[in-house]
C-alpha atoms as a PDB file:
ATOM      1  CA  UNK A   1       5.353  35.238   2.704  1.00  0.00           C
ATOM      2  CA  UNK A   2       6.911  38.652   2.373  1.00  0.00           C
ATOM      3  CA  UNK A   3       6.867  40.559  -0.909  1.00  0.00           C
ATOM      4  CA  UNK A   4      10.110  40.411  -2.851  1.00  0.00           C
ATOM      5  CA  UNK A   5      11.883  43.199  -4.704  1.00  0.00           C
ATOM      6  CA  UNK A   6      14.563  43.101  -7.382  1.00  0.00           C
ATOM      7  CA  UNK A   7      17.653  45.241  -7.810  1.00  0.00           C
ATOM      8  CA  UNK A   8      20.199  45.261 -10.638  1.00  0.00           C
ATOM      9  CA  UNK A   9      23.733  46.227  -9.541  1.00  0.00           C
ATOM     10  CA  UNK A  10      27.217  46.460 -11.015  1.00  0.00           C
ATOM     11  CA  UNK A  11      30.389  45.049  -9.524  1.00  0.00           C
ATOM     12  CA  UNK A  12      32.406  48.037  -8.287  1.00  0.00           C
ATOM     13  CA  UNK A  13      36.180  48.372  -8.474  1.00  0.00           C
ATOM     14  CA  UNK A  14      36.401  52.152  -8.065  1.00  0.00           C
ATOM     15  CA  UNK A  15      36.383  54.252  -4.905  1.00  0.00           C
ATOM     16  CA  UNK A  16      33.019  55.334  -3.422  1.00  0.00           C
ATOM     17  CA  UNK A  17      33.443  59.038  -4.257  1.00  0.00           C
ATOM     18  CA  UNK A  18      34.016  58.202  -7.938  1.00  0.00           C
ATOM     19  CA  UNK A  19      30.874  56.026  -7.953  1.00  0.00           C
ATOM     20  CA  UNK A  20      28.795  58.878  -6.535  1.00  0.00           C
ATOM     21  CA  UNK A  21      29.916  61.213  -9.320  1.00  0.00           C
ATOM     22  CA  UNK A  22      28.124  58.941 -11.823  1.00  0.00           C
ATOM     23  CA  UNK A  23      24.824  59.283  -9.907  1.00  0.00           C
ATOM     24  CA  UNK A  24      25.257  55.834  -8.379  1.00  0.00           C
ATOM     25  CA  UNK A  25      25.376  54.661  -4.793  1.00  0.00           C
ATOM     26  CA  UNK A  26      28.366  52.626  -3.564  1.00  0.00           C
ATOM     27  CA  UNK A  27      27.378  49.567  -1.548  1.00  0.00           C
ATOM     28  CA  UNK A  28      28.777  46.380  -0.082  1.00  0.00           C
ATOM     29  CA  UNK A  29      27.233  42.925   0.207  1.00  0.00           C
ATOM     30  CA  UNK A  30      28.478  40.588   2.910  1.00  0.00           C
ATOM     31  CA  UNK A  31      27.376  37.451   4.723  1.00  0.00           C
ATOM     32  CA  UNK A  32      28.499  34.271   6.447  1.00  0.00           C
ATOM     33  CA  UNK A  33      31.327  32.389   4.761  1.00  0.00           C
ATOM     34  CA  UNK A  34      31.328  34.709   1.711  1.00  0.00           C
ATOM     35  CA  UNK A  35      33.752  37.339   0.547  1.00  0.00           C
ATOM     36  CA  UNK A  36      32.309  40.875   0.663  1.00  0.00           C
ATOM     37  CA  UNK A  37      31.246  42.195  -2.742  1.00  0.00           C
ATOM     38  CA  UNK A  38      31.537  45.894  -3.615  1.00  0.00           C
ATOM     39  CA  UNK A  39      28.751  47.049  -5.911  1.00  0.00           C
ATOM     40  CA  UNK A  40      27.323  50.222  -7.457  1.00  0.00           C
ATOM     41  CA  UNK A  41      23.573  50.856  -7.663  1.00  0.00           C
ATOM     42  CA  UNK A  42      21.675  53.328  -9.785  1.00  0.00           C
ATOM     43  CA  UNK A  43      20.579  56.061  -7.348  1.00  0.00           C
ATOM     44  CA  UNK A  44      16.995  56.452  -8.573  1.00  0.00           C
ATOM     45  CA  UNK A  45      16.487  52.694  -8.822  1.00  0.00           C
ATOM     46  CA  UNK A  46      17.667  52.087  -5.278  1.00  0.00           C
ATOM     47  CA  UNK A  47      15.525  54.891  -3.863  1.00  0.00           C
ATOM     48  CA  UNK A  48      12.473  53.449  -5.647  1.00  0.00           C
ATOM     49  CA  UNK A  49      13.063  49.953  -4.255  1.00  0.00           C
ATOM     50  CA  UNK A  50      14.112  51.078  -0.771  1.00  0.00           C
ATOM     51  CA  UNK A  51      11.031  53.309  -0.439  1.00  0.00           C
ATOM     52  CA  UNK A  52       8.903  50.149  -0.373  1.00  0.00           C
ATOM     53  CA  UNK A  53      11.333  47.459   0.762  1.00  0.00           C
ATOM     54  CA  UNK A  54      12.937  49.230   3.709  1.00  0.00           C
ATOM     55  CA  UNK A  55      14.982  46.931   5.931  1.00  0.00           C
ATOM     56  CA  UNK A  56      12.369  44.192   6.359  1.00  0.00           C
ATOM     57  CA  UNK A  57      11.776  43.030   2.761  1.00  0.00           C
ATOM     58  CA  UNK A  58      13.938  40.596   0.849  1.00  0.00           C
ATOM     59  CA  UNK A  59      15.635  42.084  -2.195  1.00  0.00           C
ATOM     60  CA  UNK A  60      16.787  39.820  -5.016  1.00  0.00           C
ATOM     61  CA  UNK A  61      20.038  41.299  -6.221  1.00  0.00           C
ATOM     62  CA  UNK A  62      21.471  40.609  -9.665  1.00  0.00           C
ATOM     63  CA  UNK A  63      25.151  41.266 -10.284  1.00  0.00           C
ATOM     64  CA  UNK A  64      26.248  40.081 -13.714  1.00  0.00           C
ATOM     65  CA  UNK A  65      25.228  36.421 -13.998  1.00  0.00           C
ATOM     66  CA  UNK A  66      24.812  36.010 -10.235  1.00  0.00           C
ATOM     67  CA  UNK A  67      21.597  36.334  -8.234  1.00  0.00           C
ATOM     68  CA  UNK A  68      21.233  36.257  -4.465  1.00  0.00           C
ATOM     69  CA  UNK A  69      18.809  37.295  -1.737  1.00  0.00           C
ATOM     70  CA  UNK A  70      19.706  40.276   0.413  1.00  0.00           C
ATOM     71  CA  UNK A  71      18.404  42.583   3.120  1.00  0.00           C
ATOM     72  CA  UNK A  72      19.404  46.200   3.661  1.00  0.00           C
ATOM     73  CA  UNK A  73      21.374  46.039   6.889  1.00  0.00           C
ATOM     74  CA  UNK A  74      22.489  49.656   7.207  1.00  0.00           C
ATOM     75  CA  UNK A  75      22.827  52.868   5.216  1.00  0.00           C
ATOM     76  CA  UNK A  76      24.451  56.264   5.607  1.00  0.00           C
ATOM     77  CA  UNK A  77      22.857  59.596   4.704  1.00  0.00           C
ATOM     78  CA  UNK A  78      24.344  63.017   4.037  1.00  0.00           C
ATOM     79  CA  UNK A  79      23.792  65.146   7.138  1.00  0.00           C
ATOM     80  CA  UNK A  80      22.522  68.143   5.151  1.00  0.00           C
ATOM     81  CA  UNK A  81      20.956  66.876   1.916  1.00  0.00           C
ATOM     82  CA  UNK A  82      19.625  63.579   3.287  1.00  0.00           C
ATOM     83  CA  UNK A  83      20.897  61.751   0.208  1.00  0.00           C
ATOM     84  CA  UNK A  84      21.970  58.135   0.708  1.00  0.00           C
ATOM     85  CA  UNK A  85      25.761  57.881   0.507  1.00  0.00           C
ATOM     86  CA  UNK A  86      26.395  54.172   1.118  1.00  0.00           C
ATOM     87  CA  UNK A  87      24.432  50.974   1.715  1.00  0.00           C
ATOM     88  CA  UNK A  88      25.323  47.740   3.506  1.00  0.00           C
ATOM     89  CA  UNK A  89      23.478  44.613   2.360  1.00  0.00           C
ATOM     90  CA  UNK A  90      23.450  41.236   4.095  1.00  0.00           C
ATOM     91  CA  UNK A  91      23.499  38.202   1.798  1.00  0.00           C
ATOM     92  CA  UNK A  92      20.794  35.823   3.001  1.00  0.00           C
ATOM     93  CA  UNK A  93      20.892  32.032   3.181  1.00  0.00           C
ATOM     94  CA  UNK A  94      17.240  31.040   2.751  1.00  0.00           C
ATOM     95  CA  UNK A  95      17.783  27.919   4.883  1.00  0.00           C
ATOM     96  CA  UNK A  96      19.148  29.784   7.904  1.00  0.00           C
ATOM     97  CA  UNK A  97      17.135  31.839  10.383  1.00  0.00           C
ATOM     98  CA  UNK A  98      17.789  35.553  10.501  1.00  0.00           C
ATOM     99  CA  UNK A  99      17.212  38.295  13.053  1.00  0.00           C
ATOM    100  CA  UNK A 100      15.524  41.479  11.942  1.00  0.00           C
ATOM    101  CA  UNK A 101      13.764  44.604  13.186  1.00  0.00           C
ATOM    102  CA  UNK A 102      10.190  44.574  11.907  1.00  0.00           C
ATOM    103  CA  UNK A 103       8.137  47.793  11.931  1.00  0.00           C
ATOM    104  CA  UNK A 104       4.831  48.021  13.779  1.00  0.00           C
ATOM    105  CA  UNK A 105       1.813  49.301  11.858  1.00  0.00           C
ATOM    106  CA  UNK A 106      -0.797  50.954  14.061  1.00  0.00           C
ATOM    107  CA  UNK A 107      -4.322  50.414  12.716  1.00  0.00           C
ATOM    108  CA  UNK A 108      -7.859  51.124  13.896  1.00  0.00           C
ATOM    109  CA  UNK A 109      -9.202  53.973  16.016  1.00  0.00           C
ATOM    110  CA  UNK A 110      -9.039  54.413  19.770  1.00  0.00           C
ATOM    111  CA  UNK A 111     -12.224  55.759  21.382  1.00  0.00           C
ATOM    112  CA  UNK A 112     -10.092  57.016  24.260  1.00  0.00           C
ATOM    113  CA  UNK A 113      -8.431  59.323  21.737  1.00  0.00           C
ATOM    114  CA  UNK A 114     -11.537  60.253  19.746  1.00  0.00           C
ATOM    115  CA  UNK A 115     -14.129  60.591  22.521  1.00  0.00           C
ATOM    116  CA  UNK A 116     -12.022  61.219  25.622  1.00  0.00           C
ATOM    117  CA  UNK A 117      -9.462  63.500  23.930  1.00  0.00           C
ATOM    118  CA  UNK A 118      -6.504  61.448  25.078  1.00  0.00           C
ATOM    119  CA  UNK A 119      -3.137  61.238  23.320  1.00  0.00           C
ATOM    120  CA  UNK A 120      -1.943  57.991  21.763  1.00  0.00           C
ATOM    121  CA  UNK A 121       1.550  57.103  23.025  1.00  0.00           C
ATOM    122  CA  UNK A 122       3.608  54.459  21.221  1.00  0.00           C
ATOM    123  CA  UNK A 123       7.090  54.218  22.822  1.00  0.00           C
ATOM    124  CA  UNK A 124       8.452  51.830  20.183  1.00  0.00           C
ATOM    125  CA  UNK A 125       7.764  51.440  16.472  1.00  0.00           C
ATOM    126  CA  UNK A 126       9.471  48.105  15.765  1.00  0.00           C
ATOM    127  CA  UNK A 127      10.289  44.778  17.413  1.00  0.00           C
ATOM    128  CA  UNK A 128      13.123  42.300  16.980  1.00  0.00           C
ATOM    129  CA  UNK A 129      12.218  38.888  15.604  1.00  0.00           C
ATOM    130  CA  UNK A 130      13.892  35.704  14.354  1.00  0.00           C
ATOM    131  CA  UNK A 131      12.634  33.500  11.531  1.00  0.00           C
ATOM    132  CA  UNK A 132      13.499  31.920   8.205  1.00  0.00           C
ATOM    133  CA  UNK A 133      13.835  34.524   5.443  1.00  0.00           C
ATOM    134  CA  UNK A 134      10.728  33.225   3.666  1.00  0.00           C
ATOM    135  CA  UNK A 135       8.662  33.857   6.816  1.00  0.00           C
ATOM    136  CA  UNK A 136       9.907  37.411   7.361  1.00  0.00           C
ATOM    137  CA  UNK A 137       6.882  39.717   7.801  1.00  0.00           C
ATOM    138  CA  UNK A 138       7.023  43.157   6.219  1.00  0.00           C
ATOM    139  CA  UNK A 139       5.248  44.622   9.256  1.00  0.00           C
ATOM    140  CA  UNK A 140       3.171  43.591  12.246  1.00  0.00           C
ATOM    141  CA  UNK A 141      -0.187  45.241  12.849  1.00  0.00           C
ATOM    142  CA  UNK A 142      -1.184  46.761  16.175  1.00  0.00           C
ATOM    143  CA  UNK A 143      -4.948  47.246  16.550  1.00  0.00           C
ATOM    144  CA  UNK A 144      -5.421  50.272  18.814  1.00  0.00           C
ATOM    145  CA  UNK A 145      -9.231  49.999  18.835  1.00  0.00           C
ATOM    146  CA  UNK A 146      -8.957  48.041  22.111  1.00  0.00           C
ATOM    147  CA  UNK A 147      -7.732  51.220  23.817  1.00  0.00           C
ATOM    148  CA  UNK A 148     -11.098  52.587  24.948  1.00  0.00           C
ATOM    149  CA  UNK A 149      -9.961  54.036  28.292  1.00  0.00           C
ATOM    150  CA  UNK A 150      -6.832  55.352  30.009  1.00  0.00           C
ATOM    151  CA  UNK A 151      -6.160  52.161  31.975  1.00  0.00           C
ATOM    152  CA  UNK A 152      -5.558  49.783  29.085  1.00  0.00           C
ATOM    153  CA  UNK A 153      -2.362  49.261  27.151  1.00  0.00           C
ATOM    154  CA  UNK A 154      -1.020  46.981  24.449  1.00  0.00           C
ATOM    155  CA  UNK A 155       2.082  44.873  25.074  1.00  0.00           C
ATOM    156  CA  UNK A 156       4.218  42.928  22.619  1.00  0.00           C
ATOM    157  CA  UNK A 157       2.655  39.762  24.042  1.00  0.00           C
ATOM    158  CA  UNK A 158      -0.747  40.971  22.774  1.00  0.00           C
ATOM    159  CA  UNK A 159       0.341  41.036  19.132  1.00  0.00           C
ATOM    160  CA  UNK A 160      -0.742  38.489  16.529  1.00  0.00           C
ATOM    161  CA  UNK A 161       2.622  37.047  15.517  1.00  0.00           C
ATOM    162  CA  UNK A 162       2.761  35.084  12.220  1.00  0.00           C
ATOM    163  CA  UNK A 163       3.584  31.374  12.310  1.00  0.00           C
ATOM    164  CA  UNK A 164       7.284  30.594  12.164  1.00  0.00           C
ATOM    165  CA  UNK A 165       8.243  33.923  13.727  1.00  0.00           C
ATOM    166  CA  UNK A 166       9.863  34.128  17.170  1.00  0.00           C
ATOM    167  CA  UNK A 167       9.817  37.436  19.033  1.00  0.00           C
ATOM    168  CA  UNK A 168      13.135  38.353  20.657  1.00  0.00           C
ATOM    169  CA  UNK A 169      12.005  41.651  22.210  1.00  0.00           C
ATOM    170  CA  UNK A 170      10.673  41.717  25.786  1.00  0.00           C
ATOM    171  CA  UNK A 171       7.084  40.440  25.610  1.00  0.00           C
ATOM    172  CA  UNK A 172       6.069  42.624  28.552  1.00  0.00           C
ATOM    173  CA  UNK A 173       7.166  45.843  26.841  1.00  0.00           C
ATOM    174  CA  UNK A 174       4.295  48.281  26.330  1.00  0.00           C
ATOM    175  CA  UNK A 175       3.931  49.447  22.729  1.00  0.00           C
ATOM    176  CA  UNK A 176       0.807  51.618  22.962  1.00  0.00           C
ATOM    177  CA  UNK A 177      -1.451  53.348  25.490  1.00  0.00           C
ATOM    178  CA  UNK A 178      -3.577  56.484  25.676  1.00  0.00           C
ATOM    179  CA  UNK A 179      -2.504  59.300  27.961  1.00  0.00           C
ATOM    180  CA  UNK A 180      -5.207  61.244  29.753  1.00  0.00           C
ATOM    181  CA  UNK A 181      -5.415  64.936  28.747  1.00  0.00           C
ATOM    182  CA  UNK A 182      -3.837  67.360  31.201  1.00  0.00           C
ATOM    183  CA  UNK A 183      -6.069  69.513  33.390  1.00  0.00           C
ATOM    184  CA  UNK A 184      -5.857  73.317  33.276  1.00  0.00           C
ATOM    185  CA  UNK A 185      -4.021  73.265  36.617  1.00  0.00           C
ATOM    186  CA  UNK A 186      -1.425  70.808  35.299  1.00  0.00           C
ATOM    187  CA  UNK A 187      -0.929  72.866  32.128  1.00  0.00           C
ATOM    188  CA  UNK A 188      -0.453  76.023  34.233  1.00  0.00           C
ATOM    189  CA  UNK A 189       2.124  74.247  36.428  1.00  0.00           C
ATOM    190  CA  UNK A 190       3.932  72.917  33.362  1.00  0.00           C
ATOM    191  CA  UNK A 191       4.041  76.395  31.818  1.00  0.00           C
ATOM    192  CA  UNK A 192       5.392  77.842  35.076  1.00  0.00           C
ATOM    193  CA  UNK A 193       8.144  75.188  35.155  1.00  0.00           C
ATOM    194  CA  UNK A 194       9.123  76.023  31.569  1.00  0.00           C
ATOM    195  CA  UNK A 195       9.306  79.746  32.402  1.00  0.00           C
ATOM    196  CA  UNK A 196      11.467  78.984  35.450  1.00  0.00           C
ATOM    197  CA  UNK A 197      13.805  76.832  33.375  1.00  0.00           C
ATOM    198  CA  UNK A 198      14.145  79.551  30.717  1.00  0.00           C
ATOM    199  CA  UNK A 199      14.852  82.208  33.357  1.00  0.00           C
ATOM    200  CA  UNK A 200      17.433  79.981  35.044  1.00  0.00           C
ATOM    201  CA  UNK A 201      19.221  79.437  31.710  1.00  0.00           C
ATOM    202  CA  UNK A 202      19.191  83.177  31.009  1.00  0.00           C
ATOM    203  CA  UNK A 203      20.684  83.937  34.443  1.00  0.00           C
ATOM    204  CA  UNK A 204      23.340  81.276  33.921  1.00  0.00           C
ATOM    205  CA  UNK A 205      24.211  82.675  30.481  1.00  0.00           C
ATOM    206  CA  UNK A 206      24.476  86.207  31.861  1.00  0.00           C
ATOM    207  CA  UNK A 207      26.758  84.955  34.616  1.00  0.00           C
ATOM    208  CA  UNK A 208      29.001  83.211  32.087  1.00  0.00           C
ATOM    209  CA  UNK A 209      29.080  86.337  29.904  1.00  0.00           C
ATOM    210  CA  UNK A 210      30.029  88.508  32.901  1.00  0.00           C
ATOM    211  CA  UNK A 211      32.761  86.027  33.849  1.00  0.00           C
ATOM    212  CA  UNK A 212      34.125  86.026  30.323  1.00  0.00           C
ATOM    213  CA  UNK A 213      34.063  89.831  30.158  1.00  0.00           C
ATOM    214  CA  UNK A 214      35.889  90.097  33.492  1.00  0.00           C
ATOM    215  CA  UNK A 215      38.518  87.605  32.363  1.00  0.00           C
ATOM    216  CA  UNK A 216      39.024  89.512  29.105  1.00  0.00           C
ATOM    217  CA  UNK A 217      39.395  92.764  31.019  1.00  0.00           C
ATOM    218  CA  UNK A 218      41.978  91.218  33.342  1.00  0.00           C
ATOM    219  CA  UNK A 219      43.967  89.893  30.414  1.00  0.00           C
ATOM    220  CA  UNK A 220      43.934  93.295  28.692  1.00  0.00           C
ATOM    221  CA  UNK A 221      45.098  95.048  31.896  1.00  0.00           C
ATOM    222  CA  UNK A 222      47.874  92.492  32.314  1.00  0.00           C
ATOM    223  CA  UNK A 223      49.027  93.092  28.729  1.00  0.00           C
ATOM    224  CA  UNK A 224      49.057  96.886  29.242  1.00  0.00           C
ATOM    225  CA  UNK A 225      51.282  96.480  32.290  1.00  0.00           C
END
């Protein structure tokens, strides 16, 4: 059973920008067959809970005399400061199955990385699952110790999935493998390609600058006439 977190909120009647001025985060709670509820959350309290709960832990929300289970469904951050500006919660019915993205936790050590100097590649860091809320795992472990050469890989189908959890992601999708280190020849070729690309961009930029200068000159001559 997943760990549960608690969050005290206030029913919000004011606009989001007014809520933010009081060091609170505006949020909305919605779900099936329920009216959306606008709430305000203490900024520091939410950050503390969200740091551990993320989007895959149940959060028991208290608003006045009401309590209900929720999950963070989405959130918006300020592009510059990174501060959370708004949060969307989904109200959870504990008797109905839910879909969620569960993070993958990579554990163990790969001898192909340690002894053969390969690079661990993990194309995805979460998978989509469906289960009852009480069965929602906080994370799913991926043991990379089985990667002892460059031929092996780990697929979603290789994971130990908890009982009551159905995986919705493609079971054949590769989630981890070790890439063989590049030879000196390959590194030299790669460096040459990068140099060529940079030179091509520089030539293109110079051409555009010359075009722009010529166009400006033509316009100035036309104005003088």
